[in-house]
Amino acid sequence: MSEEAFNKELINLRADLIARACSLSSNIADAEDLTHDTLVKAMNFKEQFIEGTSLKAWTFTIMKHIFINNYRRDQHFKNLIKQADAEDISLLNAANSIELPADSDFLFNEIVESIHHLEEKYKLIFIDFLEGYKYKEISEKYNLPIGTIKSRIFYARKNIMEYLSKF
């Protein structure tokens, strides 16, 4: 199959790829990112495509692998965020005094910094959540509805992930 024919067929699959990505991800922006990453990877590795097989199945497999890898990376970040205590700067100092790989030190510092950049109304609630308090306990502590607590935790996570995506 010529490169032009391959690319044309790949572009024709875009709608199917977006539909598949929507079934895997939680929002349309993530689905579009996943679709874009899949198309780029398929174009970069087109020589590995075996002519006569299903291009759709091949690209869906690529998408599944990208999704799984992204999910694992996100889970790793979530676990690191849970371990970070933004109120205790001494943890940051302790992390700097322990010999860790440079990436670990950098990531920990960025996570703590991302929590510090949160607006106060998100930061305090998010820190309580990280410390293991239940939604109801946090709700009672701040005299806010549980829905507000859940919303603020959601937006805190979202802001942290956006902040960390720069790295």
N, C-alpha and C. Protein backbone atom coordinates (compact mmCIF):
# COMPACT_ATOMS: atom_id res chain seq x y z
N MET A 1 0.85 -1.17 0.00
CA MET A 1 0.00 0.00 0.00
C MET A 1 0.90 1.24 0.00
N SER A 2 0.59 2.18 -0.86
CA SER A 2 1.41 3.39 -0.94
C SER A 2 1.18 4.25 0.30
N GLU A 3 2.13 5.14 0.53
CA GLU A 3 2.03 6.01 1.70
C GLU A 3 0.79 6.89 1.62
N GLU A 4 0.50 7.38 0.43
CA GLU A 4 -0.67 8.24 0.24
C GLU A 4 -1.96 7.46 0.51
N ALA A 5 -2.06 6.23 0.01
CA ALA A 5 -3.24 5.40 0.23
C ALA A 5 -3.38 5.07 1.72
N PHE A 6 -2.26 4.76 2.36
CA PHE A 6 -2.26 4.45 3.79
C PHE A 6 -2.80 5.64 4.59
N ASN A 7 -2.25 6.82 4.32
CA ASN A 7 -2.66 8.03 5.05
C ASN A 7 -4.13 8.35 4.80
N LYS A 8 -4.59 8.18 3.56
CA LYS A 8 -5.99 8.45 3.23
C LYS A 8 -6.90 7.49 3.99
N GLU A 9 -6.56 6.22 4.00
CA GLU A 9 -7.36 5.23 4.71
C GLU A 9 -7.35 5.51 6.22
N LEU A 10 -6.21 5.94 6.71
CA LEU A 10 -6.08 6.26 8.13
C LEU A 10 -6.97 7.45 8.50
N ILE A 11 -6.97 8.47 7.67
CA ILE A 11 -7.82 9.64 7.91
C ILE A 11 -9.30 9.25 7.85
N ASN A 12 -9.65 8.33 6.96
CA ASN A 12 -11.04 7.87 6.87
C ASN A 12 -11.48 7.13 8.14
N LEU A 13 -10.52 6.60 8.89
CA LEU A 13 -10.83 5.89 10.14
C LEU A 13 -10.98 6.84 11.33
N ARG A 14 -10.72 8.12 11.14
CA ARG A 14 -10.70 9.07 12.26
C ARG A 14 -12.01 9.04 13.05
N ALA A 15 -13.14 9.02 12.39
CA ALA A 15 -14.43 9.01 13.10
C ALA A 15 -14.57 7.76 13.96
N ASP A 16 -14.16 6.61 13.42
CA ASP A 16 -14.21 5.36 14.20
C ASP A 16 -13.26 5.43 15.39
N LEU A 17 -12.09 6.04 15.17
CA LEU A 17 -11.12 6.16 16.25
C LEU A 17 -11.63 7.08 17.36
N ILE A 18 -12.27 8.17 16.98
CA ILE A 18 -12.82 9.08 17.99
C ILE A 18 -13.93 8.38 18.78
N ALA A 19 -14.78 7.63 18.08
CA ALA A 19 -15.85 6.90 18.77
C ALA A 19 -15.26 5.90 19.76
N ARG A 20 -14.24 5.20 19.34
CA ARG A 20 -13.57 4.23 20.22
C ARG A 20 -12.91 4.94 21.40
N ALA A 21 -12.25 6.06 21.13
CA ALA A 21 -11.58 6.82 22.19
C ALA A 21 -12.59 7.36 23.20
N CYS A 22 -13.76 7.77 22.73
CA CYS A 22 -14.81 8.25 23.64
C CYS A 22 -15.27 7.14 24.58
N SER A 23 -15.28 5.92 24.09
CA SER A 23 -15.69 4.80 24.95
C SER A 23 -14.62 4.48 25.99
N LEU A 24 -13.38 4.87 25.74
CA LEU A 24 -12.29 4.60 26.67
C LEU A 24 -12.05 5.73 27.66
N SER A 25 -12.24 6.96 27.22
CA SER A 25 -11.86 8.09 28.07
C SER A 25 -13.09 8.77 28.67
N SER A 26 -12.81 9.66 29.62
CA SER A 26 -13.89 10.27 30.38
C SER A 26 -14.44 11.55 29.75
N ASN A 27 -13.74 12.13 28.80
CA ASN A 27 -14.26 13.35 28.18
C ASN A 27 -13.77 13.47 26.74
N ILE A 28 -14.39 14.37 26.02
CA ILE A 28 -14.12 14.49 24.59
C ILE A 28 -12.70 15.00 24.32
N ALA A 29 -12.20 15.88 25.18
CA ALA A 29 -10.84 16.40 24.97
C ALA A 29 -9.81 15.27 25.09
N ASP A 30 -9.98 14.41 26.09
CA ASP A 30 -9.08 13.27 26.24
C ASP A 30 -9.22 12.31 25.06
N ALA A 31 -10.45 12.15 24.57
CA ALA A 31 -10.69 11.27 23.43
C ALA A 31 -10.00 11.81 22.18
N GLU A 32 -10.07 13.12 21.98
CA GLU A 32 -9.40 13.71 20.82
C GLU A 32 -7.88 13.59 20.94
N ASP A 33 -7.35 13.78 22.16
CA ASP A 33 -5.91 13.61 22.37
C ASP A 33 -5.49 12.17 22.08
N LEU A 34 -6.28 11.22 22.57
CA LEU A 34 -5.99 9.81 22.35
C LEU A 34 -6.03 9.47 20.86
N THR A 35 -7.01 10.02 20.16
CA THR A 35 -7.12 9.80 18.72
C THR A 35 -5.91 10.38 17.99
N HIS A 36 -5.54 11.59 18.36
CA HIS A 36 -4.37 12.23 17.74
C HIS A 36 -3.11 11.41 17.98
N ASP A 37 -2.90 10.99 19.23
CA ASP A 37 -1.71 10.18 19.55
C ASP A 37 -1.70 8.88 18.74
N THR A 38 -2.88 8.29 18.58
CA THR A 38 -3.00 7.04 17.81
C THR A 38 -2.65 7.27 16.35
N LEU A 39 -3.18 8.33 15.76
CA LEU A 39 -2.89 8.63 14.35
C LEU A 39 -1.40 8.90 14.14
N VAL A 40 -0.81 9.65 15.04
CA VAL A 40 0.62 9.96 14.93
C VAL A 40 1.45 8.68 15.02
N LYS A 41 1.12 7.85 15.99
CA LYS A 41 1.88 6.61 16.16
C LYS A 41 1.69 5.68 14.95
N ALA A 42 0.47 5.61 14.44
CA ALA A 42 0.21 4.76 13.27
C ALA A 42 1.02 5.26 12.07
N MET A 43 1.07 6.57 11.88
CA MET A 43 1.85 7.11 10.76
C MET A 43 3.34 6.87 10.95
N ASN A 44 3.80 6.98 12.18
CA ASN A 44 5.23 6.76 12.46
C ASN A 44 5.65 5.31 12.29
N PHE A 45 4.71 4.39 12.47
CA PHE A 45 5.04 2.97 12.41
C PHE A 45 4.30 2.26 11.28
N LYS A 46 3.97 3.01 10.22
CA LYS A 46 3.21 2.42 9.11
C LYS A 46 3.92 1.25 8.44
N GLU A 47 5.25 1.23 8.52
CA GLU A 47 6.00 0.12 7.91
C GLU A 47 5.75 -1.19 8.66
N GLN A 48 5.24 -1.12 9.88
CA GLN A 48 4.94 -2.33 10.64
C GLN A 48 3.55 -2.88 10.33
N PHE A 49 2.73 -2.08 9.64
CA PHE A 49 1.40 -2.55 9.26
C PHE A 49 1.53 -3.60 8.16
N ILE A 50 0.85 -4.71 8.35
CA ILE A 50 0.90 -5.81 7.38
C ILE A 50 -0.27 -5.64 6.41
N GLU A 51 0.08 -5.39 5.15
CA GLU A 51 -0.94 -5.19 4.13
C GLU A 51 -1.81 -6.43 4.01
N GLY A 52 -3.10 -6.21 3.84
CA GLY A 52 -4.04 -7.32 3.75
C GLY A 52 -4.74 -7.57 5.08
N THR A 53 -4.23 -6.97 6.16
CA THR A 53 -4.90 -7.09 7.46
C THR A 53 -5.73 -5.84 7.68
N SER A 54 -6.49 -5.82 8.73
CA SER A 54 -7.40 -4.72 9.01
C SER A 54 -6.66 -3.53 9.62
N LEU A 55 -6.67 -2.42 8.91
CA LEU A 55 -6.05 -1.20 9.43
C LEU A 55 -6.82 -0.71 10.66
N LYS A 56 -8.12 -0.89 10.63
CA LYS A 56 -8.96 -0.46 11.76
C LYS A 56 -8.58 -1.23 13.02
N ALA A 57 -8.46 -2.53 12.92
CA ALA A 57 -8.07 -3.35 14.08
C ALA A 57 -6.67 -2.98 14.56
N TRP A 58 -5.78 -2.73 13.62
CA TRP A 58 -4.40 -2.37 13.96
C TRP A 58 -4.36 -1.04 14.72
N THR A 59 -5.12 -0.04 14.23
CA THR A 59 -5.13 1.26 14.92
C THR A 59 -5.85 1.17 16.26
N PHE A 60 -6.89 0.34 16.36
CA PHE A 60 -7.56 0.16 17.65
C PHE A 60 -6.60 -0.46 18.67
N THR A 61 -5.76 -1.37 18.22
CA THR A 61 -4.76 -1.98 19.11
C THR A 61 -3.76 -0.93 19.58
N ILE A 62 -3.32 -0.09 18.66
CA ILE A 62 -2.41 1.00 19.03
C ILE A 62 -3.08 1.89 20.07
N MET A 63 -4.34 2.24 19.82
CA MET A 63 -5.08 3.11 20.74
C MET A 63 -5.20 2.47 22.13
N LYS A 64 -5.50 1.19 22.15
CA LYS A 64 -5.64 0.49 23.43
C LYS A 64 -4.34 0.55 24.22
N HIS A 65 -3.23 0.33 23.55
CA HIS A 65 -1.92 0.35 24.22
C HIS A 65 -1.58 1.76 24.73
N ILE A 66 -1.88 2.77 23.93
CA ILE A 66 -1.63 4.15 24.37
C ILE A 66 -2.50 4.46 25.59
N PHE A 67 -3.77 4.06 25.53
CA PHE A 67 -4.69 4.31 26.64
C PHE A 67 -4.19 3.65 27.92
N ILE A 68 -3.78 2.39 27.82
CA ILE A 68 -3.28 1.66 29.00
C ILE A 68 -2.03 2.33 29.56
N ASN A 69 -1.11 2.70 28.69
CA ASN A 69 0.11 3.37 29.16
C ASN A 69 -0.20 4.71 29.83
N ASN A 70 -1.12 5.48 29.25
CA ASN A 70 -1.51 6.75 29.85
C ASN A 70 -2.18 6.53 31.20
N TYR A 71 -3.03 5.52 31.28
CA TYR A 71 -3.72 5.21 32.54
C TYR A 71 -2.71 4.85 33.63
N ARG A 72 -1.75 4.02 33.28
CA ARG A 72 -0.72 3.64 34.26
C ARG A 72 0.06 4.86 34.72
N ARG A 73 0.41 5.74 33.80
CA ARG A 73 1.15 6.95 34.15
C ARG A 73 0.31 7.83 35.08
N ASP A 74 -0.98 7.99 34.75
CA ASP A 74 -1.86 8.80 35.58
C ASP A 74 -2.02 8.22 36.98
N GLN A 75 -2.13 6.90 37.07
CA GLN A 75 -2.24 6.26 38.38
C GLN A 75 -0.98 6.48 39.20
N HIS A 76 0.16 6.44 38.55
CA HIS A 76 1.43 6.69 39.23
C HIS A 76 1.44 8.10 39.81
N PHE A 77 0.99 9.09 39.02
CA PHE A 77 0.93 10.46 39.50
C PHE A 77 -0.05 10.60 40.66
N LYS A 78 -1.21 9.94 40.56
CA LYS A 78 -2.20 10.03 41.64
C LYS A 78 -1.63 9.47 42.93
N ASN A 79 -0.90 8.37 42.83
CA ASN A 79 -0.29 7.79 44.03
C ASN A 79 0.74 8.74 44.62
N LEU A 80 1.51 9.39 43.77
CA LEU A 80 2.49 10.35 44.26
C LEU A 80 1.83 11.55 44.93
N ILE A 81 0.73 12.01 44.35
CA ILE A 81 0.01 13.14 44.92
C ILE A 81 -0.54 12.78 46.30
N LYS A 82 -1.07 11.56 46.44
CA LYS A 82 -1.59 11.14 47.73
C LYS A 82 -0.50 11.12 48.80
N GLN A 83 0.72 10.83 48.39
CA GLN A 83 1.81 10.75 49.35
C GLN A 83 2.34 12.12 49.73
N ALA A 84 2.08 13.11 48.91
CA ALA A 84 2.60 14.46 49.18
C ALA A 84 1.73 15.16 50.21
N ASP A 85 2.34 15.78 51.18
CA ASP A 85 1.63 16.55 52.19
C ASP A 85 2.05 17.99 52.03
N ALA A 86 1.19 18.77 51.39
CA ALA A 86 1.55 20.15 51.05
C ALA A 86 1.76 21.02 52.28
N GLU A 87 1.17 20.67 53.41
CA GLU A 87 1.32 21.50 54.60
C GLU A 87 2.69 21.33 55.26
N ASP A 88 3.35 20.24 54.99
CA ASP A 88 4.58 19.94 55.70
C ASP A 88 5.78 20.15 54.78
N ILE A 89 6.35 21.32 54.80
CA ILE A 89 7.49 21.64 53.96
C ILE A 89 8.71 20.80 54.34
N SER A 90 8.71 20.30 55.57
CA SER A 90 9.85 19.48 55.99
C SER A 90 9.96 18.21 55.15
N LEU A 91 8.85 17.73 54.63
CA LEU A 91 8.90 16.58 53.72
C LEU A 91 9.71 16.93 52.48
N LEU A 92 9.50 18.12 52.00
CA LEU A 92 10.23 18.58 50.83
C LEU A 92 11.72 18.64 51.14
N ASN A 93 12.06 19.17 52.30
CA ASN A 93 13.47 19.23 52.70
C ASN A 93 14.05 17.84 52.89
N ALA A 94 13.26 16.93 53.47
CA ALA A 94 13.73 15.56 53.67
C ALA A 94 13.96 14.88 52.32
N ALA A 95 13.06 15.12 51.39
CA ALA A 95 13.21 14.52 50.06
C ALA A 95 14.48 15.03 49.38
N ASN A 96 14.80 16.27 49.61
CA ASN A 96 16.01 16.83 49.01
C ASN A 96 17.28 16.28 49.64
N SER A 97 17.18 15.84 50.90
CA SER A 97 18.37 15.33 51.58
C SER A 97 18.61 13.85 51.30
N ILE A 98 17.60 13.14 50.81
CA ILE A 98 17.75 11.72 50.49
C ILE A 98 18.24 11.60 49.06
N GLU A 99 19.15 10.68 48.83
CA GLU A 99 19.65 10.50 47.47
C GLU A 99 18.66 9.65 46.67
N LEU A 100 17.95 10.30 45.80
CA LEU A 100 16.99 9.66 44.91
C LEU A 100 17.41 9.99 43.48
N PRO A 101 16.91 9.23 42.53
CA PRO A 101 17.18 9.62 41.15
C PRO A 101 16.66 11.05 40.91
N ALA A 102 17.30 11.76 40.05
CA ALA A 102 16.95 13.16 39.80
C ALA A 102 15.49 13.33 39.43
N ASP A 103 14.94 12.42 38.65
CA ASP A 103 13.54 12.52 38.23
C ASP A 103 12.60 12.44 39.42
N SER A 104 12.88 11.58 40.40
CA SER A 104 12.03 11.43 41.56
C SER A 104 11.98 12.73 42.35
N ASP A 105 13.14 13.32 42.56
CA ASP A 105 13.24 14.58 43.29
C ASP A 105 12.45 15.66 42.57
N PHE A 106 12.66 15.75 41.29
CA PHE A 106 11.99 16.76 40.48
C PHE A 106 10.47 16.58 40.54
N LEU A 107 10.00 15.36 40.37
CA LEU A 107 8.58 15.09 40.35
C LEU A 107 7.94 15.41 41.70
N PHE A 108 8.58 15.00 42.78
CA PHE A 108 8.05 15.28 44.10
C PHE A 108 7.93 16.79 44.31
N ASN A 109 8.97 17.52 43.96
CA ASN A 109 8.95 18.98 44.11
C ASN A 109 7.82 19.59 43.29
N GLU A 110 7.62 19.11 42.08
CA GLU A 110 6.58 19.65 41.22
C GLU A 110 5.19 19.33 41.76
N ILE A 111 5.01 18.16 42.33
CA ILE A 111 3.70 17.80 42.91
C ILE A 111 3.39 18.72 44.08
N VAL A 112 4.35 18.88 44.97
CA VAL A 112 4.14 19.76 46.12
C VAL A 112 3.87 21.19 45.65
N GLU A 113 4.64 21.64 44.68
CA GLU A 113 4.45 22.99 44.15
C GLU A 113 3.06 23.13 43.51
N SER A 114 2.61 22.10 42.80
CA SER A 114 1.29 22.17 42.17
C SER A 114 0.19 22.28 43.22
N ILE A 115 0.36 21.61 44.35
CA ILE A 115 -0.64 21.71 45.42
C ILE A 115 -0.60 23.12 46.01
N HIS A 116 0.57 23.68 46.18
CA HIS A 116 0.70 25.04 46.72
C HIS A 116 0.09 26.08 45.78
N HIS A 117 0.03 25.81 44.49
CA HIS A 117 -0.54 26.76 43.53
C HIS A 117 -2.07 26.73 43.50
N LEU A 118 -2.67 25.77 44.17
CA LEU A 118 -4.13 25.71 44.20
C LEU A 118 -4.70 26.90 44.95
N GLU A 119 -5.89 27.32 44.54
CA GLU A 119 -6.59 28.35 45.31
C GLU A 119 -6.86 27.80 46.71
N GLU A 120 -6.92 28.68 47.68
CA GLU A 120 -7.08 28.28 49.08
C GLU A 120 -8.31 27.39 49.28
N LYS A 121 -9.43 27.74 48.61
CA LYS A 121 -10.67 26.97 48.80
C LYS A 121 -10.53 25.53 48.31
N TYR A 122 -9.62 25.28 47.37
CA TYR A 122 -9.38 23.92 46.89
C TYR A 122 -8.28 23.24 47.70
N LYS A 123 -7.25 24.00 48.03
CA LYS A 123 -6.07 23.43 48.67
C LYS A 123 -6.39 22.77 50.01
N LEU A 124 -7.08 23.48 50.90
CA LEU A 124 -7.35 22.95 52.23
C LEU A 124 -8.20 21.69 52.17
N ILE A 125 -9.21 21.72 51.34
CA ILE A 125 -10.09 20.54 51.20
C ILE A 125 -9.31 19.38 50.58
N PHE A 126 -8.49 19.67 49.58
CA PHE A 126 -7.72 18.61 48.92
C PHE A 126 -6.71 17.98 49.89
N ILE A 127 -6.07 18.80 50.70
CA ILE A 127 -5.11 18.27 51.67
C ILE A 127 -5.81 17.37 52.68
N ASP A 128 -6.99 17.79 53.16
CA ASP A 128 -7.75 16.94 54.07
C ASP A 128 -8.11 15.61 53.40
N PHE A 129 -8.48 15.69 52.13
CA PHE A 129 -8.81 14.47 51.38
C PHE A 129 -7.59 13.56 51.27
N LEU A 130 -6.43 14.14 50.99
CA LEU A 130 -5.20 13.35 50.90
C LEU A 130 -4.84 12.71 52.23
N GLU A 131 -5.19 13.38 53.31
CA GLU A 131 -4.89 12.85 54.64
C GLU A 131 -5.85 11.75 55.05
N GLY A 132 -6.83 11.46 54.21
CA GLY A 132 -7.70 10.32 54.46
C GLY A 132 -9.06 10.65 55.03
N TYR A 133 -9.36 11.93 55.18
CA TYR A 133 -10.68 12.29 55.69
C TYR A 133 -11.74 11.93 54.65
N LYS A 134 -12.89 11.50 55.12
CA LYS A 134 -14.02 11.17 54.25
C LYS A 134 -14.71 12.46 53.81
N TYR A 135 -15.47 12.37 52.71
CA TYR A 135 -16.19 13.53 52.22
C TYR A 135 -17.06 14.14 53.33
N LYS A 136 -17.75 13.29 54.06
CA LYS A 136 -18.66 13.76 55.11
C LYS A 136 -17.89 14.51 56.20
N GLU A 137 -16.74 13.99 56.58
CA GLU A 137 -15.93 14.65 57.62
C GLU A 137 -15.45 16.02 57.14
N ILE A 138 -15.02 16.09 55.91
CA ILE A 138 -14.56 17.36 55.35
C ILE A 138 -15.73 18.33 55.25
N SER A 139 -16.88 17.81 54.84
CA SER A 139 -18.09 18.62 54.72
C SER A 139 -18.46 19.24 56.07
N GLU A 140 -18.40 18.45 57.11
CA GLU A 140 -18.72 18.96 58.45
C GLU A 140 -17.67 19.96 58.93
N LYS A 141 -16.41 19.70 58.64
CA LYS A 141 -15.32 20.58 59.08
C LYS A 141 -15.47 21.99 58.50
N TYR A 142 -15.83 22.07 57.21
CA TYR A 142 -15.93 23.37 56.54
C TYR A 142 -17.36 23.87 56.42
N ASN A 143 -18.30 23.09 56.96
CA ASN A 143 -19.72 23.45 56.91
C ASN A 143 -20.17 23.73 55.47
N LEU A 144 -19.82 22.79 54.58
CA LEU A 144 -20.18 22.88 53.17
C LEU A 144 -20.90 21.60 52.76
N PRO A 145 -21.76 21.66 51.75
CA PRO A 145 -22.42 20.44 51.26
C PRO A 145 -21.39 19.45 50.69
N ILE A 146 -21.71 18.16 50.76
CA ILE A 146 -20.82 17.12 50.25
C ILE A 146 -20.55 17.32 48.76
N GLY A 147 -21.57 17.74 48.02
CA GLY A 147 -21.39 17.99 46.59
C GLY A 147 -20.33 19.04 46.31
N THR A 148 -20.29 20.06 47.13
CA THR A 148 -19.28 21.11 46.99
C THR A 148 -17.89 20.55 47.28
N ILE A 149 -17.80 19.71 48.29
CA ILE A 149 -16.52 19.08 48.65
C ILE A 149 -16.03 18.22 47.48
N LYS A 150 -16.90 17.39 46.94
CA LYS A 150 -16.52 16.52 45.81
C LYS A 150 -16.09 17.37 44.61
N SER A 151 -16.82 18.43 44.35
CA SER A 151 -16.50 19.31 43.23
C SER A 151 -15.13 19.96 43.41
N ARG A 152 -14.85 20.43 44.62
CA ARG A 152 -13.56 21.10 44.86
C ARG A 152 -12.40 20.11 44.78
N ILE A 153 -12.62 18.89 45.23
CA ILE A 153 -11.57 17.87 45.11
C ILE A 153 -11.34 17.54 43.64
N PHE A 154 -12.42 17.43 42.88
CA PHE A 154 -12.30 17.16 41.44
C PHE A 154 -11.50 18.27 40.76
N TYR A 155 -11.86 19.53 41.03
CA TYR A 155 -11.15 20.64 40.38
C TYR A 155 -9.72 20.76 40.87
N ALA A 156 -9.46 20.42 42.12
CA ALA A 156 -8.08 20.43 42.62
C ALA A 156 -7.26 19.41 41.84
N ARG A 157 -7.79 18.19 41.68
CA ARG A 157 -7.08 17.16 40.91
C ARG A 157 -6.83 17.62 39.48
N LYS A 158 -7.88 18.18 38.89
CA LYS A 158 -7.78 18.64 37.50
C LYS A 158 -6.70 19.72 37.37
N ASN A 159 -6.69 20.68 38.29
CA ASN A 159 -5.68 21.74 38.25
C ASN A 159 -4.28 21.19 38.46
N ILE A 160 -4.14 20.22 39.35
CA ILE A 160 -2.83 19.62 39.59
C ILE A 160 -2.35 18.89 38.34
N MET A 161 -3.24 18.13 37.71
CA MET A 161 -2.85 17.39 36.50
C MET A 161 -2.48 18.37 35.37
N GLU A 162 -3.22 19.47 35.25
CA GLU A 162 -2.89 20.47 34.23
C GLU A 162 -1.52 21.09 34.53
N TYR A 163 -1.28 21.38 35.78
CA TYR A 163 0.00 21.97 36.18
C TYR A 163 1.14 21.00 35.87
N LEU A 164 0.93 19.71 36.19
CA LEU A 164 1.98 18.72 35.99
C LEU A 164 2.16 18.35 34.51
N SER A 165 1.15 18.60 33.70
CA SER A 165 1.27 18.24 32.28
C SER A 165 2.33 19.08 31.57
N LYS A 166 2.74 20.18 32.18
CA LYS A 166 3.80 21.02 31.60
C LYS A 166 5.14 20.30 31.63
N PHE A 167 5.25 19.29 32.47
CA PHE A 167 6.53 18.62 32.66
C PHE A 167 6.48 17.32 31.98
